[in-house]
Amino acid sequence: LGLVGDVLPGGLQAGEGAYDQATDVEDGDNSILPTAFTLQQNFPNPFNPSTRIRYAIPAQANVTLKVFNLIGQEVATLVNNEVQGRGNYVAMFDAQKLSTGVYFYRLEAGKFVEVKKMLLLK
């Protein structure tokens, strides 16, 4: 994660921007447009207290990105059925109010669905 003043993809500086309760989604580097849906492993992982989740959308789609705890309860909605165009995206997840443990994040975009695991260490 960037330090305050570091420039992030999309031209935002770390510490700036209007993050809602847990996240913000930025347009990433779209100089190389994606040709397939992808969900990358969050970074850093393990993390404390926040992490980045990168994903790529090859064509306009309704996108939902949610975080779940180990027993399947939803703990955060990072993107809520938002129409997003072709491009690379970054969702910031801030888990300050959550306990140490394993969490899962799930990306749904059109007919594409993928889940990945991440570890919060406090």
N, C-alpha and C. Protein backbone atom coordinates (compact mmCIF):
# COMPACT_ATOMS: atom_id res chain seq x y z
N LEU A 1 0.84 -1.19 0.00
CA LEU A 1 0.00 0.00 0.00
C LEU A 1 0.87 1.23 0.00
N GLY A 2 0.39 2.26 -0.64
CA GLY A 2 1.17 3.48 -0.73
C GLY A 2 1.14 4.27 0.56
N LEU A 3 2.17 5.06 0.75
CA LEU A 3 2.22 5.98 1.86
C LEU A 3 1.54 7.26 1.44
N VAL A 4 1.13 8.07 2.40
CA VAL A 4 0.48 9.33 2.06
C VAL A 4 1.39 10.11 1.13
N GLY A 5 0.86 10.55 0.01
CA GLY A 5 1.63 11.28 -0.98
C GLY A 5 2.05 10.43 -2.16
N ASP A 6 2.08 9.09 -2.02
CA ASP A 6 2.41 8.22 -3.15
C ASP A 6 1.29 8.27 -4.17
N VAL A 7 1.63 8.27 -5.44
CA VAL A 7 0.62 8.29 -6.48
C VAL A 7 0.20 6.86 -6.80
N LEU A 8 -1.11 6.61 -6.78
CA LEU A 8 -1.67 5.31 -7.05
C LEU A 8 -2.22 5.29 -8.47
N PRO A 9 -2.52 4.09 -9.03
CA PRO A 9 -3.14 4.03 -10.35
C PRO A 9 -4.40 4.89 -10.38
N GLY A 10 -4.63 5.55 -11.47
CA GLY A 10 -5.79 6.41 -11.60
C GLY A 10 -5.49 7.83 -11.17
N GLY A 11 -4.24 8.11 -10.74
CA GLY A 11 -3.83 9.46 -10.40
C GLY A 11 -4.13 9.88 -8.99
N LEU A 12 -4.80 9.05 -8.19
CA LEU A 12 -5.05 9.40 -6.80
C LEU A 12 -3.76 9.30 -6.00
N GLN A 13 -3.68 10.06 -4.95
CA GLN A 13 -2.56 9.93 -4.04
C GLN A 13 -3.02 9.16 -2.82
N ALA A 14 -2.13 8.35 -2.25
CA ALA A 14 -2.47 7.61 -1.04
C ALA A 14 -2.88 8.61 0.02
N GLY A 15 -3.93 8.28 0.75
CA GLY A 15 -4.43 9.17 1.78
C GLY A 15 -5.47 10.15 1.26
N GLU A 16 -5.67 10.21 -0.07
CA GLU A 16 -6.66 11.09 -0.67
C GLU A 16 -7.82 10.26 -1.20
N GLY A 17 -8.85 10.94 -1.59
CA GLY A 17 -9.97 10.26 -2.23
C GLY A 17 -11.10 10.06 -1.25
N ALA A 18 -12.24 9.74 -1.79
CA ALA A 18 -13.44 9.57 -0.97
C ALA A 18 -13.70 8.08 -0.78
N TYR A 19 -13.05 7.48 0.19
CA TYR A 19 -13.29 6.07 0.48
C TYR A 19 -14.58 5.96 1.27
N ASP A 20 -15.46 5.02 0.89
CA ASP A 20 -16.65 4.83 1.69
C ASP A 20 -16.25 4.00 2.90
N GLN A 21 -17.16 3.36 3.57
CA GLN A 21 -16.86 2.72 4.84
C GLN A 21 -15.64 1.81 4.80
N ALA A 22 -15.44 1.07 3.73
CA ALA A 22 -14.32 0.14 3.72
C ALA A 22 -13.48 0.21 2.46
N THR A 23 -14.00 0.79 1.39
CA THR A 23 -13.31 0.63 0.12
C THR A 23 -13.46 1.81 -0.81
N ASP A 24 -12.69 1.76 -1.86
CA ASP A 24 -12.85 2.63 -3.01
C ASP A 24 -12.40 1.83 -4.20
N VAL A 25 -13.04 2.02 -5.32
CA VAL A 25 -12.63 1.34 -6.55
C VAL A 25 -12.11 2.40 -7.50
N GLU A 26 -10.91 2.17 -8.02
CA GLU A 26 -10.28 3.11 -8.93
C GLU A 26 -10.16 2.46 -10.30
N ASP A 27 -10.22 3.29 -11.33
CA ASP A 27 -9.83 2.81 -12.65
C ASP A 27 -8.33 2.63 -12.59
N GLY A 28 -7.85 1.49 -12.99
CA GLY A 28 -6.42 1.23 -12.96
C GLY A 28 -5.76 1.63 -14.26
N ASP A 29 -4.63 1.03 -14.53
CA ASP A 29 -3.87 1.28 -15.75
C ASP A 29 -4.58 0.60 -16.91
N ASN A 30 -5.24 1.39 -17.77
CA ASN A 30 -5.98 0.82 -18.89
C ASN A 30 -5.20 0.90 -20.19
N SER A 31 -3.86 1.08 -20.10
CA SER A 31 -3.07 1.14 -21.31
C SER A 31 -3.04 -0.23 -22.01
N ILE A 32 -3.19 -1.30 -21.24
CA ILE A 32 -3.30 -2.64 -21.79
C ILE A 32 -4.69 -3.15 -21.43
N LEU A 33 -5.59 -3.13 -22.39
CA LEU A 33 -6.97 -3.52 -22.11
C LEU A 33 -7.07 -5.04 -22.00
N PRO A 34 -7.84 -5.51 -21.01
CA PRO A 34 -7.94 -6.96 -20.78
C PRO A 34 -8.75 -7.66 -21.87
N THR A 35 -8.42 -8.92 -22.10
CA THR A 35 -9.14 -9.75 -23.06
C THR A 35 -9.91 -10.86 -22.37
N ALA A 36 -9.77 -10.96 -21.03
CA ALA A 36 -10.48 -11.98 -20.26
C ALA A 36 -10.77 -11.44 -18.87
N PHE A 37 -11.81 -11.99 -18.23
CA PHE A 37 -12.09 -11.65 -16.85
C PHE A 37 -10.98 -12.24 -15.99
N THR A 38 -10.46 -11.47 -15.06
CA THR A 38 -9.47 -11.99 -14.11
C THR A 38 -9.71 -11.38 -12.74
N LEU A 39 -9.43 -12.16 -11.73
CA LEU A 39 -9.43 -11.71 -10.34
C LEU A 39 -8.07 -12.09 -9.78
N GLN A 40 -7.29 -11.10 -9.38
CA GLN A 40 -5.95 -11.37 -8.88
C GLN A 40 -5.97 -11.58 -7.37
N GLN A 41 -4.90 -12.21 -6.88
CA GLN A 41 -4.74 -12.37 -5.44
C GLN A 41 -4.54 -10.99 -4.84
N ASN A 42 -5.17 -10.76 -3.70
CA ASN A 42 -5.01 -9.46 -3.04
C ASN A 42 -3.55 -9.25 -2.65
N PHE A 43 -3.18 -7.98 -2.51
CA PHE A 43 -1.81 -7.64 -2.12
C PHE A 43 -1.86 -6.45 -1.19
N PRO A 44 -1.18 -6.47 -0.07
CA PRO A 44 -0.42 -7.61 0.44
C PRO A 44 -1.34 -8.68 1.02
N ASN A 45 -0.79 -9.86 1.15
CA ASN A 45 -1.51 -10.98 1.76
C ASN A 45 -0.50 -11.88 2.43
N PRO A 46 -0.53 -12.03 3.75
CA PRO A 46 -1.48 -11.48 4.71
C PRO A 46 -1.41 -9.95 4.77
N PHE A 47 -2.48 -9.34 5.31
CA PHE A 47 -2.55 -7.89 5.37
C PHE A 47 -3.01 -7.41 6.74
N ASN A 48 -2.72 -6.14 7.02
CA ASN A 48 -3.16 -5.47 8.24
C ASN A 48 -2.99 -3.97 8.05
N PRO A 49 -3.97 -3.16 8.06
CA PRO A 49 -5.40 -3.48 8.11
C PRO A 49 -6.06 -3.41 6.73
N SER A 50 -5.30 -3.02 5.68
CA SER A 50 -5.97 -2.88 4.38
C SER A 50 -5.17 -3.57 3.28
N THR A 51 -5.86 -3.82 2.17
CA THR A 51 -5.27 -4.54 1.05
C THR A 51 -5.93 -4.09 -0.24
N ARG A 52 -5.28 -4.39 -1.36
CA ARG A 52 -5.81 -4.07 -2.69
C ARG A 52 -6.26 -5.36 -3.37
N ILE A 53 -7.39 -5.26 -4.06
CA ILE A 53 -7.88 -6.38 -4.86
C ILE A 53 -7.99 -5.87 -6.29
N ARG A 54 -7.22 -6.47 -7.20
CA ARG A 54 -7.21 -6.06 -8.60
C ARG A 54 -8.03 -7.05 -9.43
N TYR A 55 -8.77 -6.50 -10.39
CA TYR A 55 -9.52 -7.35 -11.30
C TYR A 55 -9.62 -6.68 -12.66
N ALA A 56 -9.92 -7.50 -13.67
CA ALA A 56 -10.00 -7.00 -15.04
C ALA A 56 -11.33 -7.42 -15.66
N ILE A 57 -11.91 -6.49 -16.42
CA ILE A 57 -13.18 -6.72 -17.08
C ILE A 57 -12.95 -6.51 -18.59
N PRO A 58 -13.16 -7.55 -19.44
CA PRO A 58 -12.88 -7.41 -20.88
C PRO A 58 -14.00 -6.73 -21.67
N ALA A 59 -15.19 -6.63 -21.09
CA ALA A 59 -16.33 -6.00 -21.75
C ALA A 59 -17.27 -5.48 -20.67
N GLN A 60 -18.07 -4.50 -21.01
CA GLN A 60 -18.99 -3.93 -20.03
C GLN A 60 -19.79 -5.03 -19.35
N ALA A 61 -19.92 -4.93 -18.02
CA ALA A 61 -20.63 -5.95 -17.25
C ALA A 61 -21.11 -5.35 -15.94
N ASN A 62 -22.15 -5.96 -15.38
CA ASN A 62 -22.56 -5.63 -14.01
C ASN A 62 -21.60 -6.34 -13.08
N VAL A 63 -20.96 -5.59 -12.18
CA VAL A 63 -19.90 -6.13 -11.34
C VAL A 63 -20.30 -6.05 -9.87
N THR A 64 -20.08 -7.15 -9.17
CA THR A 64 -20.27 -7.21 -7.72
C THR A 64 -19.02 -7.84 -7.12
N LEU A 65 -18.48 -7.18 -6.10
CA LEU A 65 -17.30 -7.70 -5.39
C LEU A 65 -17.61 -7.63 -3.90
N LYS A 66 -17.65 -8.80 -3.27
CA LYS A 66 -18.02 -8.88 -1.85
C LYS A 66 -16.97 -9.66 -1.08
N VAL A 67 -16.91 -9.40 0.23
CA VAL A 67 -15.99 -10.09 1.14
C VAL A 67 -16.83 -10.86 2.16
N PHE A 68 -16.40 -12.11 2.43
CA PHE A 68 -17.11 -12.99 3.34
C PHE A 68 -16.15 -13.52 4.40
N ASN A 69 -16.69 -13.83 5.59
CA ASN A 69 -15.86 -14.45 6.62
C ASN A 69 -15.83 -15.96 6.39
N LEU A 70 -15.16 -16.66 7.28
CA LEU A 70 -14.93 -18.10 7.11
C LEU A 70 -16.22 -18.91 7.13
N ILE A 71 -17.26 -18.39 7.79
CA ILE A 71 -18.53 -19.15 7.84
C ILE A 71 -19.54 -18.65 6.81
N GLY A 72 -19.07 -17.82 5.87
CA GLY A 72 -19.91 -17.43 4.75
C GLY A 72 -20.75 -16.18 4.95
N GLN A 73 -20.57 -15.48 6.07
CA GLN A 73 -21.31 -14.25 6.29
C GLN A 73 -20.65 -13.11 5.53
N GLU A 74 -21.47 -12.31 4.84
CA GLU A 74 -20.94 -11.15 4.12
C GLU A 74 -20.48 -10.10 5.13
N VAL A 75 -19.24 -9.63 4.97
CA VAL A 75 -18.70 -8.61 5.89
C VAL A 75 -18.48 -7.27 5.19
N ALA A 76 -18.44 -7.26 3.86
CA ALA A 76 -18.26 -6.00 3.13
C ALA A 76 -18.70 -6.17 1.68
N THR A 77 -19.25 -5.11 1.14
CA THR A 77 -19.55 -5.03 -0.29
C THR A 77 -18.66 -3.95 -0.86
N LEU A 78 -17.73 -4.33 -1.73
CA LEU A 78 -16.79 -3.38 -2.31
C LEU A 78 -17.34 -2.75 -3.58
N VAL A 79 -18.05 -3.55 -4.39
CA VAL A 79 -18.71 -3.06 -5.59
C VAL A 79 -20.09 -3.71 -5.60
N ASN A 80 -21.14 -2.90 -5.74
CA ASN A 80 -22.50 -3.43 -5.63
C ASN A 80 -23.25 -3.32 -6.94
N ASN A 81 -23.18 -4.37 -7.76
CA ASN A 81 -23.91 -4.46 -9.02
C ASN A 81 -23.74 -3.20 -9.87
N GLU A 82 -22.51 -2.76 -9.97
CA GLU A 82 -22.17 -1.54 -10.71
C GLU A 82 -21.80 -1.89 -12.15
N VAL A 83 -22.32 -1.13 -13.09
CA VAL A 83 -21.95 -1.34 -14.49
C VAL A 83 -20.55 -0.75 -14.70
N GLN A 84 -19.62 -1.61 -15.11
CA GLN A 84 -18.25 -1.17 -15.35
C GLN A 84 -17.85 -1.55 -16.77
N GLY A 85 -17.14 -0.66 -17.42
CA GLY A 85 -16.67 -0.89 -18.77
C GLY A 85 -15.38 -1.68 -18.78
N ARG A 86 -14.95 -2.00 -19.98
CA ARG A 86 -13.69 -2.74 -20.17
C ARG A 86 -12.56 -1.99 -19.49
N GLY A 87 -11.76 -2.73 -18.71
CA GLY A 87 -10.63 -2.09 -18.06
C GLY A 87 -10.10 -2.88 -16.88
N ASN A 88 -9.09 -2.31 -16.25
CA ASN A 88 -8.45 -2.88 -15.07
C ASN A 88 -8.86 -2.04 -13.87
N TYR A 89 -9.21 -2.70 -12.78
CA TYR A 89 -9.73 -2.00 -11.61
C TYR A 89 -9.01 -2.44 -10.35
N VAL A 90 -9.04 -1.57 -9.34
CA VAL A 90 -8.46 -1.86 -8.04
C VAL A 90 -9.50 -1.50 -6.98
N ALA A 91 -9.81 -2.45 -6.10
CA ALA A 91 -10.69 -2.19 -4.97
C ALA A 91 -9.84 -2.21 -3.71
N MET A 92 -9.98 -1.18 -2.90
CA MET A 92 -9.28 -1.12 -1.61
C MET A 92 -10.21 -1.68 -0.54
N PHE A 93 -9.66 -2.57 0.29
CA PHE A 93 -10.45 -3.15 1.38
C PHE A 93 -9.78 -2.82 2.70
N ASP A 94 -10.52 -2.15 3.58
CA ASP A 94 -10.03 -1.76 4.89
C ASP A 94 -10.74 -2.61 5.93
N ALA A 95 -9.99 -3.45 6.64
CA ALA A 95 -10.56 -4.40 7.58
C ALA A 95 -10.28 -4.02 9.04
N GLN A 96 -10.15 -2.74 9.32
CA GLN A 96 -9.83 -2.29 10.68
C GLN A 96 -10.81 -2.81 11.72
N LYS A 97 -12.08 -2.94 11.34
CA LYS A 97 -13.12 -3.34 12.31
C LYS A 97 -13.32 -4.85 12.37
N LEU A 98 -12.52 -5.60 11.62
CA LEU A 98 -12.68 -7.06 11.58
C LEU A 98 -11.61 -7.75 12.42
N SER A 99 -11.88 -8.98 12.79
CA SER A 99 -10.95 -9.78 13.57
C SER A 99 -9.94 -10.49 12.68
N THR A 100 -8.82 -10.87 13.27
CA THR A 100 -7.83 -11.69 12.58
C THR A 100 -8.51 -12.94 12.06
N GLY A 101 -8.16 -13.35 10.84
CA GLY A 101 -8.72 -14.58 10.31
C GLY A 101 -8.68 -14.65 8.81
N VAL A 102 -9.27 -15.73 8.30
CA VAL A 102 -9.35 -15.98 6.86
C VAL A 102 -10.65 -15.37 6.34
N TYR A 103 -10.54 -14.68 5.21
CA TYR A 103 -11.69 -14.09 4.54
C TYR A 103 -11.64 -14.48 3.07
N PHE A 104 -12.79 -14.45 2.43
CA PHE A 104 -12.90 -14.77 1.02
C PHE A 104 -13.48 -13.56 0.29
N TYR A 105 -13.00 -13.31 -0.92
CA TYR A 105 -13.62 -12.26 -1.74
C TYR A 105 -14.08 -12.89 -3.03
N ARG A 106 -15.27 -12.43 -3.47
CA ARG A 106 -15.95 -13.03 -4.62
C ARG A 106 -16.27 -11.96 -5.64
N LEU A 107 -15.81 -12.16 -6.86
CA LEU A 107 -16.11 -11.26 -7.97
C LEU A 107 -17.14 -11.92 -8.88
N GLU A 108 -18.23 -11.21 -9.14
CA GLU A 108 -19.23 -11.63 -10.12
C GLU A 108 -19.29 -10.53 -11.17
N ALA A 109 -19.07 -10.90 -12.42
CA ALA A 109 -19.12 -9.95 -13.52
C ALA A 109 -19.73 -10.67 -14.72
N GLY A 110 -20.97 -10.32 -15.05
CA GLY A 110 -21.66 -11.08 -16.09
C GLY A 110 -21.82 -12.51 -15.63
N LYS A 111 -21.37 -13.47 -16.45
CA LYS A 111 -21.44 -14.88 -16.08
C LYS A 111 -20.18 -15.37 -15.38
N PHE A 112 -19.18 -14.49 -15.24
CA PHE A 112 -17.91 -14.85 -14.60
C PHE A 112 -18.06 -14.76 -13.08
N VAL A 113 -17.61 -15.80 -12.38
CA VAL A 113 -17.60 -15.81 -10.92
C VAL A 113 -16.29 -16.44 -10.47
N GLU A 114 -15.60 -15.76 -9.55
CA GLU A 114 -14.37 -16.33 -8.99
C GLU A 114 -14.25 -15.91 -7.54
N VAL A 115 -13.68 -16.81 -6.72
CA VAL A 115 -13.49 -16.56 -5.29
C VAL A 115 -12.02 -16.78 -4.97
N LYS A 116 -11.48 -15.91 -4.12
CA LYS A 116 -10.11 -16.08 -3.63
C LYS A 116 -10.09 -15.87 -2.13
N LYS A 117 -9.03 -16.39 -1.51
CA LYS A 117 -8.87 -16.35 -0.06
C LYS A 117 -7.82 -15.32 0.32
N MET A 118 -8.04 -14.65 1.47
CA MET A 118 -7.03 -13.72 1.99
C MET A 118 -6.97 -13.86 3.50
N LEU A 119 -5.87 -13.39 4.09
CA LEU A 119 -5.63 -13.56 5.52
C LEU A 119 -5.37 -12.21 6.17
N LEU A 120 -6.19 -11.89 7.16
CA LEU A 120 -6.04 -10.67 7.96
C LEU A 120 -5.29 -11.05 9.24
N LEU A 121 -4.13 -10.42 9.46
CA LEU A 121 -3.36 -10.63 10.69
C LEU A 121 -3.26 -9.32 11.43
N LYS A 122 -3.66 -9.31 12.68
CA LYS A 122 -3.56 -8.07 13.48
C LYS A 122 -2.53 -8.25 14.57
